[in-house]
Amino acid sequence: MDFAWSSEQVLLRKRARELAADAVARYGRANDSWMNGYSKEFSRELGREGFIGMTWPSQFGGGGRPPIDRLIVGEEMIAAGAPIAGMWFADRQMGPALIGYGSREQQERFLPDMLSGETTWCIGMSEPNAGSDLASLTTSAVRDGNQWVINGQKIWTSFGELADFCYLICRTSKEGPPHAGISEIIVPMDTPGIEVRPITDMTTNRHFCEVFYTDVRVPIENLVGVEGAAFKQTMRQLEHERGGIDRLVSNRALYLMARERADTSDALVRDQIAQIEIGYTLGRILVIREVLKQAPAGFSAATKCFCTEHEARVADFVSSVFGPYATLWDDVTQGLAYAPAYTIMGGTSNVMRNILGERVLGLPK
C-alpha cells in the first residue's frame, strides 16, 4: 500500500528531519534514543517548536494536531537518534493520562511544564515480582489523613534518577480480585523516603533504575482518577506505549549504516534488505492503524509484537553486515547489545500473544 502525504506533512517531516540532524550534530547520536537519549536542552527546544503535546487538545495547551503528525515527527527523531527521552514519556503517556483522568488542578499544575520540556517524568510500573503481570504488584499507598503513605519497590524505572515526577502505579486496597484496588498517584521524586539506584546494563546505559519507597508521603490530591479503579487507566497507558512508532524504528539508524556498508552484489544480502524493507512497510501500516484508531481494541499487542521482533531481525542483519567489527566496543556494538530488550520491555512477546489471543481473538485462556 502506498501512502500519499499531504504537502503540509511533507514539510513537517522535512522540518523534523532537520531538527533531528542538528540535534545529533550537537548532542550526539543515541541508540534507541526515546529510551537512552536524554537532553533537557533539546526537550526545551522541542517544546518551543511545538513538538511536545502535538496531539493534545488545544484547551489543554496542546497543538490539537492529527495523531499522524506526531508519528511523522517521532519517526524522524528516533530514526536519526536524536535525544528525545527527556520528554517522551510525558508526551506519550503522562500528558494524555492527566487529560483523560486528571483533575483540573492537576492539569493546570503539570501539563504546562510537560509541554515546555521543563519536566521529565518516569513511570513506576514494574516490580521485581510484577513485570508483565501488573495486577500482582504490591507497592502500597495507605491513606493517613490528607496524605498517602507509600511503601514498596519498583524496577526498570527509566530515568528514575533524572525524573522530576513519577507516575506511580500502586495498590490502595487488598480487597477483591488482583486487578482491583490499584491506583495511580503522582509522586515528586525529591520527596523524602525515595531511594533511586541506577542499574547499569550490559550496554553501559544507566537509564533503568530501582526505586525504593519508604514511608513516602504525598498529598491525597495527587491521586489520578478513581481510587482503586485505575487498572483500566493503566491498560489505556499501555495501549499508547505498545502501538507507537518507537517500537518500530528504534534501531533504524544502525540499519541505515549497515545498508550503506552491505555488499549488495550478493543476492542473499539483497534478499535480506528486501525482507527488512517489507517489515518496515508492514510495521508502519500497523502503527498507522493504531494512530488512526482503525485497529481493534487490544490490537496494540500484535503491533508491538510484530514491530519489536522486526527490530530484533534488523539487529541480526546489522551484526551480519559488520561481521567481526560488530564485536568491537563502539556505538554499533552498544546498539546491538540492546536488541534482546526489544521483545521484553513493554511486555514480552509471549504475553503480547496471550493478550491478542484472549482479548482480540476471543480464544480460551
Protein backbone atom coordinates (compact mmCIF):
# COMPACT_ATOMS: atom_id res chain seq x y z
CA MET A 1 0.00 0.00 0.00
CA ASP A 2 1.27 3.45 -0.90
CA PHE A 3 0.52 6.46 1.30
CA ALA A 4 0.19 9.92 -0.16
CA TRP A 5 1.39 12.52 2.33
CA SER A 6 -0.08 15.99 2.16
CA SER A 7 2.18 18.92 1.30
CA GLU A 8 1.93 20.08 4.94
CA GLN A 9 3.05 16.66 6.17
CA VAL A 10 5.96 16.64 3.73
CA LEU A 11 7.10 19.99 5.11
CA LEU A 12 6.61 18.74 8.68
CA ARG A 13 8.79 15.71 8.01
CA LYS A 14 11.44 17.92 6.42
CA ARG A 15 11.46 20.22 9.45
CA ALA A 16 11.59 17.30 11.89
CA ARG A 17 14.45 15.72 9.93
CA GLU A 18 16.40 18.98 10.00
CA LEU A 19 15.92 19.40 13.75
CA ALA A 20 16.87 15.78 14.38
CA ALA A 21 20.06 16.03 12.31
CA ASP A 22 21.03 19.27 14.05
CA ALA A 23 20.42 17.71 17.47
CA VAL A 24 22.57 14.68 16.61
CA ALA A 25 25.34 17.02 15.44
CA ARG A 26 25.23 18.97 18.72
CA TYR A 27 24.38 16.30 21.30
CA GLY A 28 25.49 13.09 19.62
CA ARG A 29 23.52 10.12 18.30
CA ALA A 30 21.81 7.85 20.80
CA ASN A 31 20.83 4.26 20.10
CA ASP A 32 17.16 3.73 20.94
CA SER A 33 17.00 7.45 21.58
CA TRP A 34 13.49 7.52 23.01
CA MET A 35 14.86 5.40 25.87
CA ASN A 36 18.52 6.39 26.06
CA GLY A 37 18.86 9.86 24.54
CA TYR A 38 18.39 12.29 27.41
CA SER A 39 18.83 16.02 26.85
CA LYS A 40 16.88 18.58 28.86
CA GLU A 41 18.09 21.28 26.49
CA PHE A 42 16.72 19.52 23.43
CA SER A 43 13.45 18.85 25.24
CA ARG A 44 13.05 22.59 25.72
CA GLU A 45 13.82 23.14 22.04
CA LEU A 46 11.14 20.64 21.07
CA GLY A 47 8.73 22.44 23.38
CA ARG A 48 9.42 25.77 21.69
CA GLU A 49 8.96 24.10 18.30
CA GLY A 50 5.55 22.79 19.37
CA PHE A 51 6.70 19.18 19.00
CA ILE A 52 5.56 18.17 22.51
CA GLY A 53 1.88 17.55 23.03
CA MET A 54 1.22 17.92 19.31
CA THR A 55 -1.97 15.87 19.51
CA TRP A 56 -3.20 17.09 22.88
CA PRO A 57 -6.40 19.17 22.72
CA SER A 58 -5.78 22.89 22.38
CA GLN A 59 -7.78 23.66 25.53
CA PHE A 60 -5.03 21.89 27.49
CA GLY A 61 -2.26 23.80 25.73
CA GLY A 62 -1.58 21.12 23.13
CA GLY A 63 -1.26 21.51 19.40
CA GLY A 64 -4.61 19.93 18.55
CA ARG A 65 -2.96 18.30 15.54
CA PRO A 66 -3.89 14.95 13.99
CA PRO A 67 -2.06 11.95 15.52
CA ILE A 68 -0.34 11.19 12.22
CA ASP A 69 1.69 14.41 12.63
CA ARG A 70 3.15 13.13 15.89
CA LEU A 71 4.03 9.86 14.17
CA ILE A 72 5.94 11.76 11.48
CA VAL A 73 7.95 13.77 13.99
CA GLY A 74 8.60 10.78 16.24
CA GLU A 75 9.77 8.62 13.35
CA GLU A 76 12.27 11.21 12.16
CA MET A 77 13.62 11.88 15.65
CA ILE A 78 14.07 8.24 16.60
CA ALA A 79 15.38 7.10 13.22
CA ALA A 80 18.09 9.75 13.43
CA GLY A 81 18.95 9.01 17.06
CA ALA A 82 18.02 12.47 18.38
CA PRO A 83 17.89 12.69 22.21
CA ILE A 84 14.15 12.88 22.89
CA ALA A 85 13.90 10.73 26.02
CA GLY A 86 13.59 13.69 28.39
CA MET A 87 10.09 14.46 27.06
CA TRP A 88 8.94 11.17 25.53
CA PHE A 89 7.10 9.53 28.42
CA ALA A 90 5.25 12.71 29.37
CA ASP A 91 4.26 13.35 25.76
CA ARG A 92 3.27 9.75 25.04
CA GLN A 93 1.58 8.70 28.28
CA MET A 94 1.53 11.03 31.26
CA GLY A 95 0.02 14.02 29.50
CA PRO A 96 -2.78 12.02 27.84
CA ALA A 97 -3.42 10.25 31.16
CA LEU A 98 -3.87 13.54 33.01
CA ILE A 99 -6.04 14.92 30.21
CA GLY A 100 -8.23 11.83 30.37
CA TYR A 101 -8.37 11.16 34.09
CA GLY A 102 -6.72 14.00 36.00
CA SER A 103 -8.39 16.79 37.93
CA ARG A 104 -8.46 20.34 36.65
CA GLU A 105 -5.93 21.29 39.31
CA GLN A 106 -3.57 18.52 38.17
CA GLN A 107 -3.93 19.53 34.56
CA GLU A 108 -3.20 23.19 35.32
CA ARG A 109 -0.23 22.30 37.51
CA PHE A 110 1.55 19.63 35.47
CA LEU A 111 0.67 19.97 31.77
CA PRO A 112 2.36 23.35 31.03
CA ASP A 113 5.80 22.15 32.18
CA MET A 114 5.40 18.94 30.19
CA LEU A 115 4.62 20.97 27.08
CA SER A 116 7.61 23.25 27.55
CA GLY A 117 10.01 20.35 28.11
CA GLU A 118 10.83 21.59 31.59
CA THR A 119 9.86 18.43 33.47
CA THR A 120 10.90 14.84 32.98
CA TRP A 121 8.57 12.04 34.04
CA CYS A 122 9.13 8.39 34.83
CA ILE A 123 6.61 5.58 35.25
CA GLY A 124 6.56 3.48 38.42
CA MET A 125 5.07 0.33 36.98
CA SER A 126 7.11 -2.90 37.02
CA GLU A 127 8.23 -4.58 40.25
CA PRO A 128 10.67 -7.44 40.92
CA ASN A 129 7.75 -9.89 41.08
CA ALA A 130 5.30 -8.00 38.89
CA GLY A 131 6.60 -7.41 35.40
CA SER A 132 4.16 -8.08 32.61
CA ASP A 133 1.61 -9.22 35.23
CA LEU A 134 0.90 -5.80 36.67
CA ALA A 135 -2.11 -6.99 38.64
CA SER A 136 0.27 -8.73 41.05
CA LEU A 137 2.04 -5.52 42.13
CA THR A 138 2.42 -4.94 45.86
CA THR A 139 3.76 -1.37 46.27
CA SER A 140 1.18 0.14 48.59
CA ALA A 141 -0.29 3.57 49.30
CA VAL A 142 -2.19 3.84 52.57
CA ARG A 143 -4.23 6.91 53.37
CA ASP A 144 -3.22 8.78 56.52
CA GLY A 145 -5.33 11.90 56.94
CA ASN A 146 -4.71 14.14 53.95
CA GLN A 147 -1.70 12.16 52.72
CA TRP A 148 -0.82 8.88 51.05
CA VAL A 149 1.95 6.88 52.72
CA ILE A 150 3.77 4.83 50.07
CA ASN A 151 5.96 1.78 50.66
CA GLY A 152 7.42 -0.67 48.17
CA GLN A 153 9.88 -1.14 45.34
CA LYS A 154 9.79 -0.52 41.61
CA ILE A 155 12.26 -1.69 38.98
CA TRP A 156 13.05 -0.89 35.33
CA THR A 157 12.01 2.69 36.04
CA SER A 158 13.52 4.53 33.09
CA PHE A 159 15.03 7.88 34.09
CA GLY A 160 14.12 7.41 37.73
CA GLU A 161 17.41 9.11 38.60
CA LEU A 162 16.69 12.19 36.48
CA ALA A 163 12.92 12.49 36.57
CA ASP A 164 11.09 15.28 38.37
CA PHE A 165 7.94 13.21 38.88
CA CYS A 166 6.95 9.56 38.96
CA TYR A 167 3.55 8.42 37.74
CA LEU A 168 3.23 5.63 40.28
CA ILE A 169 1.03 2.55 39.84
CA CYS A 170 0.34 1.20 43.33
CA ARG A 171 -2.11 -0.73 45.46
CA THR A 172 -4.52 1.19 47.70
CA SER A 173 -6.65 -1.84 48.63
CA LYS A 174 -6.15 -5.58 49.00
CA GLU A 175 -9.86 -6.36 48.74
CA GLY A 176 -11.32 -8.14 45.73
CA PRO A 177 -9.55 -9.65 42.68
CA PRO A 178 -5.90 -8.73 41.93
CA HIS A 179 -6.72 -6.06 39.35
CA ALA A 180 -8.96 -4.25 41.83
CA GLY A 181 -7.55 -1.84 44.37
CA ILE A 182 -4.92 -0.39 42.02
CA SER A 183 -4.48 3.39 41.89
CA GLU A 184 -2.27 5.93 40.11
CA ILE A 185 -0.55 8.62 42.17
CA ILE A 186 1.80 11.44 41.14
CA VAL A 187 4.95 11.37 43.27
CA PRO A 188 7.56 14.18 43.17
CA MET A 189 10.93 12.43 43.00
CA ASP A 190 12.51 14.75 45.57
CA THR A 191 10.07 13.55 48.25
CA PRO A 192 11.83 12.23 51.40
CA GLY A 193 11.92 8.45 51.62
CA ILE A 194 12.69 7.80 47.95
CA GLU A 195 15.93 5.99 47.13
CA VAL A 196 16.94 5.60 43.48
CA ARG A 197 19.54 3.05 42.44
CA PRO A 198 20.55 3.25 38.76
CA ILE A 199 21.10 -0.07 37.01
CA THR A 200 23.99 -0.25 34.57
CA ASP A 201 23.02 -2.76 31.90
CA MET A 202 25.34 -4.62 29.54
CA THR A 203 25.20 -1.73 27.06
CA THR A 204 26.58 0.61 29.80
CA ASN A 205 23.33 2.61 29.76
CA ARG A 206 22.04 3.70 33.18
CA HIS A 207 18.50 4.88 32.47
CA PHE A 208 16.93 1.84 34.15
CA CYS A 209 16.58 2.27 37.90
CA GLU A 210 15.39 0.55 41.01
CA VAL A 211 13.29 2.89 43.14
CA PHE A 212 12.56 2.20 46.80
CA TYR A 213 9.73 3.94 48.64
CA THR A 214 9.90 4.02 52.44
CA ASP A 215 7.08 5.90 54.18
CA VAL A 216 6.92 8.36 51.29
CA ARG A 217 4.19 10.93 51.91
CA VAL A 218 2.35 12.77 49.14
CA PRO A 219 -0.90 14.78 49.23
CA ILE A 220 -4.15 12.92 48.65
CA GLU A 221 -4.90 15.28 45.75
CA ASN A 222 -2.06 13.61 43.81
CA LEU A 223 -4.37 10.65 43.16
CA VAL A 224 -5.22 10.47 39.45
CA GLY A 225 -8.71 9.28 38.59
CA VAL A 226 -10.74 7.00 40.86
CA GLU A 227 -9.13 5.36 43.87
CA GLY A 228 -8.79 1.62 43.43
CA ALA A 229 -10.10 1.65 39.86
CA ALA A 230 -7.00 2.58 37.89
CA PHE A 231 -6.30 -0.77 36.24
CA LYS A 232 -8.22 0.29 33.13
CA GLN A 233 -6.37 3.61 33.16
CA THR A 234 -3.07 1.73 33.23
CA MET A 235 -4.15 -0.57 30.42
CA ARG A 236 -5.00 2.50 28.37
CA GLN A 237 -1.48 3.82 29.03
CA LEU A 238 -0.06 0.57 27.72
CA GLU A 239 -2.08 0.99 24.53
CA HIS A 240 -0.16 4.26 23.99
CA GLU A 241 3.11 2.55 24.89
CA ARG A 242 2.84 -0.58 22.78
CA GLY A 243 1.48 0.63 19.46
CA GLY A 244 3.75 3.58 18.68
CA ILE A 245 6.39 4.28 16.07
CA ASP A 246 9.06 3.97 18.77
CA ARG A 247 8.52 0.20 18.69
CA LEU A 248 9.46 0.03 15.00
CA VAL A 249 12.36 2.38 14.29
CA SER A 250 14.43 2.26 17.50
CA ASN A 251 17.49 0.89 15.69
CA ARG A 252 16.79 2.21 12.20
CA ALA A 253 19.90 4.42 12.37
CA LEU A 254 22.01 1.26 12.70
CA TYR A 255 20.15 -0.32 9.80
CA LEU A 256 20.87 2.66 7.55
CA MET A 257 24.55 2.45 8.49
CA ALA A 258 24.60 -1.26 7.68
CA ARG A 259 22.75 -0.82 4.40
CA GLU A 260 25.42 1.61 3.22
CA ARG A 261 28.10 -0.93 4.13
CA ALA A 262 26.32 -4.04 2.81
CA ASP A 263 27.60 -5.92 -0.25
CA THR A 264 24.53 -5.60 -2.47
CA SER A 265 26.21 -7.61 -5.22
CA ASP A 266 25.35 -10.62 -3.04
CA ALA A 267 21.85 -11.87 -3.86
CA LEU A 268 21.36 -13.14 -0.30
CA VAL A 269 22.14 -9.69 1.10
CA ARG A 270 19.72 -8.08 -1.34
CA ASP A 271 17.05 -10.53 -0.20
CA GLN A 272 17.72 -9.67 3.46
CA ILE A 273 17.40 -5.97 2.71
CA ALA A 274 14.16 -6.59 0.83
CA GLN A 275 12.74 -8.54 3.77
CA ILE A 276 13.66 -5.75 6.18
CA GLU A 277 12.14 -3.08 3.96
CA ILE A 278 8.95 -5.14 3.74
CA GLY A 279 9.00 -5.40 7.53
CA TYR A 280 9.26 -1.64 7.89
CA THR A 281 6.35 -1.18 5.48
CA LEU A 282 4.13 -3.67 7.31
CA GLY A 283 5.10 -2.31 10.70
CA ARG A 284 4.37 1.26 9.63
CA ILE A 285 0.91 0.19 8.40
CA LEU A 286 0.21 -1.43 11.78
CA VAL A 287 1.36 1.67 13.66
CA ILE A 288 -0.68 3.97 11.42
CA ARG A 289 -3.76 1.84 12.09
CA GLU A 290 -3.16 2.34 15.82
CA VAL A 291 -2.61 6.06 15.41
CA LEU A 292 -5.77 6.49 13.32
CA LYS A 293 -7.74 4.28 15.77
CA GLN A 294 -8.58 1.82 13.00
CA ALA A 295 -7.22 -1.19 14.88
CA PRO A 296 -9.43 -3.32 17.15
CA ALA A 297 -9.24 -2.76 20.89
CA GLY A 298 -6.21 -4.54 22.31
CA PHE A 299 -4.56 -4.95 18.91
CA SER A 300 -1.58 -2.83 20.01
CA ALA A 301 -0.28 -6.10 21.50
CA ALA A 302 0.03 -7.51 17.97
CA THR A 303 1.57 -4.28 16.69
CA LYS A 304 4.13 -4.25 19.47
CA CYS A 305 4.94 -7.92 18.96
CA PHE A 306 5.49 -7.62 15.21
CA CYS A 307 7.45 -4.37 15.38
CA THR A 308 9.83 -5.35 18.18
CA GLU A 309 10.52 -8.74 16.59
CA HIS A 310 11.26 -6.83 13.38
CA GLU A 311 13.75 -4.67 15.30
CA ALA A 312 15.43 -7.85 16.52
CA ARG A 313 15.75 -9.05 12.91
CA VAL A 314 17.23 -5.67 11.98
CA ALA A 315 19.86 -6.14 14.70
CA ASP A 316 20.73 -9.58 13.28
CA PHE A 317 21.19 -8.03 9.83
CA VAL A 318 23.39 -5.23 11.17
CA SER A 319 25.51 -7.77 13.02
CA SER A 320 25.96 -9.91 9.90
CA VAL A 321 26.96 -6.91 7.79
CA PHE A 322 29.51 -5.56 10.25
CA GLY A 323 30.86 -9.03 10.96
CA PRO A 324 33.84 -9.13 13.35
CA TYR A 325 33.74 -5.34 13.59
CA ALA A 326 30.45 -5.68 15.45
CA THR A 327 32.32 -7.30 18.35
CA LEU A 328 34.48 -4.21 18.91
CA TRP A 329 33.00 -1.92 21.55
CA ASP A 330 31.59 1.20 19.94
CA ASP A 331 28.16 2.72 19.37
CA VAL A 332 27.23 0.00 16.87
CA THR A 333 28.08 -2.77 19.32
CA GLN A 334 26.22 -0.94 22.06
CA GLY A 335 23.10 -0.77 19.91
CA LEU A 336 23.33 -4.46 19.04
CA ALA A 337 23.74 -5.39 22.70
CA TYR A 338 20.47 -3.62 23.43
CA ALA A 339 18.50 -5.66 20.90
CA PRO A 340 17.38 -8.50 23.25
CA ALA A 341 15.39 -5.91 25.23
CA TYR A 342 13.04 -5.07 22.35
CA THR A 343 10.78 -8.07 22.82
CA ILE A 344 10.86 -7.82 26.62
CA MET A 345 10.25 -4.19 27.61
CA GLY A 346 6.67 -3.07 27.48
CA GLY A 347 5.51 -6.68 27.79
CA THR A 348 7.16 -9.83 26.44
CA SER A 349 6.18 -11.29 23.10
CA ASN A 350 4.63 -14.29 24.85
CA VAL A 351 2.43 -12.01 26.94
CA MET A 352 1.51 -10.00 23.84
CA ARG A 353 0.41 -13.17 22.06
CA ASN A 354 -1.69 -14.16 25.06
CA ILE A 355 -3.37 -10.75 25.06
CA LEU A 356 -4.00 -10.98 21.33
CA GLY A 357 -5.48 -14.47 21.62
CA GLU A 358 -7.68 -13.83 24.63
CA ARG A 359 -8.79 -10.21 24.18
CA VAL A 360 -8.83 -9.79 20.41
CA LEU A 361 -9.47 -13.27 19.04
CA GLY A 362 -11.57 -14.42 21.99
CA LEU A 363 -9.68 -17.68 22.43
CA PRO A 364 -9.99 -19.54 25.76
CA LYS A 365 -7.35 -18.99 28.42
